[in-house]
N, C-alpha and C. Protein backbone atom coordinates (compact mmCIF):
# COMPACT_ATOMS: atom_id res chain seq x y z
N MET A 1 0.85 -1.17 0.00
CA MET A 1 0.00 0.00 0.00
C MET A 1 0.90 1.24 0.00
N ILE A 2 0.49 2.22 -0.75
CA ILE A 2 1.21 3.48 -0.77
C ILE A 2 0.55 4.42 0.25
N ASP A 3 1.37 4.96 1.12
CA ASP A 3 0.90 5.86 2.17
C ASP A 3 1.33 7.28 1.83
N TYR A 4 0.38 8.19 1.79
CA TYR A 4 0.66 9.58 1.42
C TYR A 4 0.77 10.52 2.62
N SER A 5 0.92 9.98 3.82
CA SER A 5 1.04 10.87 4.98
C SER A 5 2.28 11.77 4.90
N PRO A 6 3.40 11.34 4.27
CA PRO A 6 4.52 12.29 4.13
C PRO A 6 4.14 13.54 3.34
N PHE A 7 3.22 13.40 2.39
CA PHE A 7 2.78 14.55 1.61
C PHE A 7 2.21 15.64 2.50
N TRP A 8 1.36 15.25 3.46
CA TRP A 8 0.70 16.23 4.31
C TRP A 8 1.70 16.94 5.21
N LYS A 9 2.73 16.22 5.66
CA LYS A 9 3.78 16.86 6.45
C LYS A 9 4.59 17.83 5.59
N THR A 10 4.89 17.40 4.36
CA THR A 10 5.63 18.26 3.43
C THR A 10 4.82 19.50 3.09
N LEU A 11 3.53 19.33 2.84
CA LEU A 11 2.67 20.46 2.52
C LEU A 11 2.60 21.44 3.70
N GLU A 12 2.54 20.90 4.89
CA GLU A 12 2.43 21.74 6.10
C GLU A 12 3.64 22.67 6.27
N ILE A 13 4.83 22.19 5.92
CA ILE A 13 6.03 23.02 6.10
C ILE A 13 6.35 23.86 4.88
N SER A 14 5.60 23.66 3.79
CA SER A 14 5.83 24.44 2.57
C SER A 14 5.05 25.76 2.63
N GLU A 15 5.24 26.57 1.63
CA GLU A 15 4.49 27.83 1.53
C GLU A 15 3.15 27.62 0.84
N GLU A 16 2.88 26.41 0.40
CA GLU A 16 1.64 26.09 -0.31
C GLU A 16 0.61 25.51 0.65
N ASN A 17 -0.63 25.42 0.19
CA ASN A 17 -1.70 24.81 0.97
C ASN A 17 -2.74 24.25 -0.01
N TRP A 18 -3.81 23.67 0.55
CA TRP A 18 -4.86 23.06 -0.28
C TRP A 18 -5.38 24.10 -1.29
N TYR A 19 -5.61 25.31 -0.82
CA TYR A 19 -6.16 26.37 -1.67
C TYR A 19 -5.22 26.70 -2.83
N THR A 20 -3.94 26.90 -2.56
CA THR A 20 -3.02 27.25 -3.66
C THR A 20 -2.83 26.08 -4.62
N LEU A 21 -2.87 24.86 -4.11
CA LEU A 21 -2.74 23.71 -5.01
C LEU A 21 -3.91 23.66 -6.00
N THR A 22 -5.10 23.97 -5.50
CA THR A 22 -6.27 23.91 -6.40
C THR A 22 -6.41 25.16 -7.26
N LYS A 23 -6.17 26.32 -6.71
CA LYS A 23 -6.40 27.57 -7.47
C LYS A 23 -5.20 27.99 -8.31
N LYS A 24 -4.03 28.00 -7.72
CA LYS A 24 -2.83 28.47 -8.43
C LYS A 24 -2.28 27.42 -9.38
N TYR A 25 -2.30 26.15 -8.94
CA TYR A 25 -1.70 25.07 -9.73
C TYR A 25 -2.73 24.18 -10.41
N HIS A 26 -4.01 24.49 -10.25
CA HIS A 26 -5.12 23.80 -10.92
C HIS A 26 -5.15 22.30 -10.65
N MET A 27 -4.76 21.91 -9.44
CA MET A 27 -4.86 20.52 -9.04
C MET A 27 -6.31 20.28 -8.62
N SER A 28 -6.87 19.17 -9.02
CA SER A 28 -8.28 18.93 -8.72
C SER A 28 -8.48 18.56 -7.25
N SER A 29 -9.63 18.93 -6.74
CA SER A 29 -10.00 18.57 -5.37
C SER A 29 -10.07 17.06 -5.21
N SER A 30 -10.47 16.37 -6.28
CA SER A 30 -10.56 14.91 -6.21
C SER A 30 -9.17 14.28 -6.05
N THR A 31 -8.14 14.89 -6.63
CA THR A 31 -6.78 14.39 -6.45
C THR A 31 -6.35 14.54 -5.00
N LEU A 32 -6.64 15.69 -4.42
CA LEU A 32 -6.30 15.91 -3.01
C LEU A 32 -7.10 14.98 -2.10
N TYR A 33 -8.34 14.71 -2.47
CA TYR A 33 -9.16 13.75 -1.73
C TYR A 33 -8.50 12.37 -1.78
N ARG A 34 -8.03 11.98 -2.97
CA ARG A 34 -7.39 10.68 -3.14
C ARG A 34 -6.12 10.59 -2.28
N LEU A 35 -5.36 11.67 -2.24
CA LEU A 35 -4.17 11.69 -1.39
C LEU A 35 -4.55 11.54 0.09
N LYS A 36 -5.58 12.24 0.49
CA LYS A 36 -6.02 12.21 1.88
C LYS A 36 -6.46 10.82 2.31
N HIS A 37 -7.02 10.05 1.36
CA HIS A 37 -7.56 8.73 1.67
C HIS A 37 -6.66 7.60 1.15
N ASN A 38 -5.39 7.91 0.87
CA ASN A 38 -4.40 6.92 0.41
C ASN A 38 -4.90 6.10 -0.77
N GLN A 39 -5.54 6.77 -1.71
CA GLN A 39 -5.99 6.11 -2.94
C GLN A 39 -4.97 6.40 -4.04
N ASP A 40 -5.03 5.61 -5.11
CA ASP A 40 -4.05 5.74 -6.19
C ASP A 40 -4.09 7.11 -6.86
N ILE A 41 -2.90 7.62 -7.17
CA ILE A 41 -2.74 8.82 -7.99
C ILE A 41 -1.69 8.49 -9.03
N SER A 42 -1.63 9.28 -10.07
CA SER A 42 -0.67 9.01 -11.15
C SER A 42 0.73 9.49 -10.79
N MET A 43 1.71 8.93 -11.46
CA MET A 43 3.09 9.38 -11.27
C MET A 43 3.26 10.80 -11.81
N LYS A 44 2.44 11.19 -12.79
CA LYS A 44 2.48 12.57 -13.27
C LYS A 44 2.11 13.52 -12.14
N THR A 45 1.10 13.14 -11.36
CA THR A 45 0.69 13.96 -10.21
C THR A 45 1.80 14.02 -9.18
N VAL A 46 2.46 12.89 -8.91
CA VAL A 46 3.58 12.88 -7.97
C VAL A 46 4.68 13.81 -8.49
N ASN A 47 4.96 13.73 -9.78
CA ASN A 47 5.97 14.60 -10.40
C ASN A 47 5.59 16.07 -10.22
N ASP A 48 4.33 16.40 -10.49
CA ASP A 48 3.86 17.78 -10.33
C ASP A 48 4.00 18.25 -8.89
N LEU A 49 3.63 17.40 -7.94
CA LEU A 49 3.73 17.77 -6.53
C LEU A 49 5.18 18.00 -6.12
N CYS A 50 6.08 17.16 -6.60
CA CYS A 50 7.50 17.33 -6.29
C CYS A 50 8.01 18.66 -6.84
N ARG A 51 7.59 19.02 -8.05
CA ARG A 51 8.00 20.30 -8.64
C ARG A 51 7.43 21.47 -7.86
N ILE A 52 6.14 21.39 -7.53
CA ILE A 52 5.48 22.49 -6.81
C ILE A 52 6.08 22.69 -5.43
N LEU A 53 6.30 21.58 -4.71
CA LEU A 53 6.76 21.66 -3.33
C LEU A 53 8.28 21.65 -3.20
N GLY A 54 8.98 21.44 -4.32
CA GLY A 54 10.44 21.41 -4.29
C GLY A 54 10.97 20.29 -3.41
N CYS A 55 10.41 19.09 -3.60
CA CYS A 55 10.77 17.98 -2.73
C CYS A 55 11.06 16.72 -3.55
N GLN A 56 11.37 15.64 -2.86
CA GLN A 56 11.64 14.34 -3.46
C GLN A 56 10.41 13.43 -3.31
N ILE A 57 10.40 12.34 -4.06
CA ILE A 57 9.27 11.39 -4.01
C ILE A 57 9.01 10.91 -2.58
N GLU A 58 10.07 10.63 -1.84
CA GLU A 58 9.88 10.12 -0.47
C GLU A 58 9.25 11.16 0.45
N ASP A 59 9.21 12.42 0.01
CA ASP A 59 8.51 13.46 0.77
C ASP A 59 7.02 13.48 0.46
N ILE A 60 6.62 12.68 -0.52
CA ILE A 60 5.21 12.59 -0.94
C ILE A 60 4.58 11.27 -0.49
N ALA A 61 5.33 10.17 -0.63
CA ALA A 61 4.74 8.86 -0.38
C ALA A 61 5.77 7.86 0.14
N THR A 62 5.27 6.85 0.83
CA THR A 62 6.09 5.71 1.26
C THR A 62 5.31 4.43 0.98
N TYR A 63 6.05 3.33 0.84
CA TYR A 63 5.42 2.03 0.66
C TYR A 63 5.31 1.35 2.02
N VAL A 64 4.11 0.85 2.31
CA VAL A 64 3.86 0.12 3.55
C VAL A 64 3.27 -1.24 3.16
N PRO A 65 3.95 -2.35 3.48
CA PRO A 65 3.39 -3.67 3.16
C PRO A 65 2.01 -3.83 3.79
N SER A 66 1.11 -4.46 3.05
CA SER A 66 -0.26 -4.62 3.52
C SER A 66 -0.86 -5.94 3.05
N ASP A 67 -1.70 -6.53 3.86
CA ASP A 67 -2.42 -7.75 3.47
C ASP A 67 -3.41 -7.45 2.35
N LYS A 68 -3.74 -6.20 2.15
CA LYS A 68 -4.71 -5.82 1.13
C LYS A 68 -4.07 -5.68 -0.26
N ASP A 69 -2.73 -5.75 -0.34
CA ASP A 69 -2.05 -5.69 -1.64
C ASP A 69 -2.48 -6.89 -2.47
N GLN A 70 -2.53 -6.69 -3.77
CA GLN A 70 -2.91 -7.80 -4.64
C GLN A 70 -1.84 -8.87 -4.63
N PRO A 71 -2.23 -10.14 -4.77
CA PRO A 71 -1.23 -11.21 -4.78
C PRO A 71 -0.36 -11.11 -6.03
N LEU A 72 0.89 -11.49 -5.88
CA LEU A 72 1.81 -11.48 -7.01
C LEU A 72 1.92 -12.83 -7.64
């Protein structure tokens, strides 16, 4: 499972917020909802967030092993 809790910590210490992500950078509210609920987002979105927040991927997401992961 991908956990997006690092994103919220990164956002908190940045100069950006939910409002600027949606209004200034035209990120959809549904994307932010997906981040909040640890749902899938695209790598393009991760790339955009890294550019906007000036951070690395690990500042956006981490992998957490889960029984809910699909079998390999």
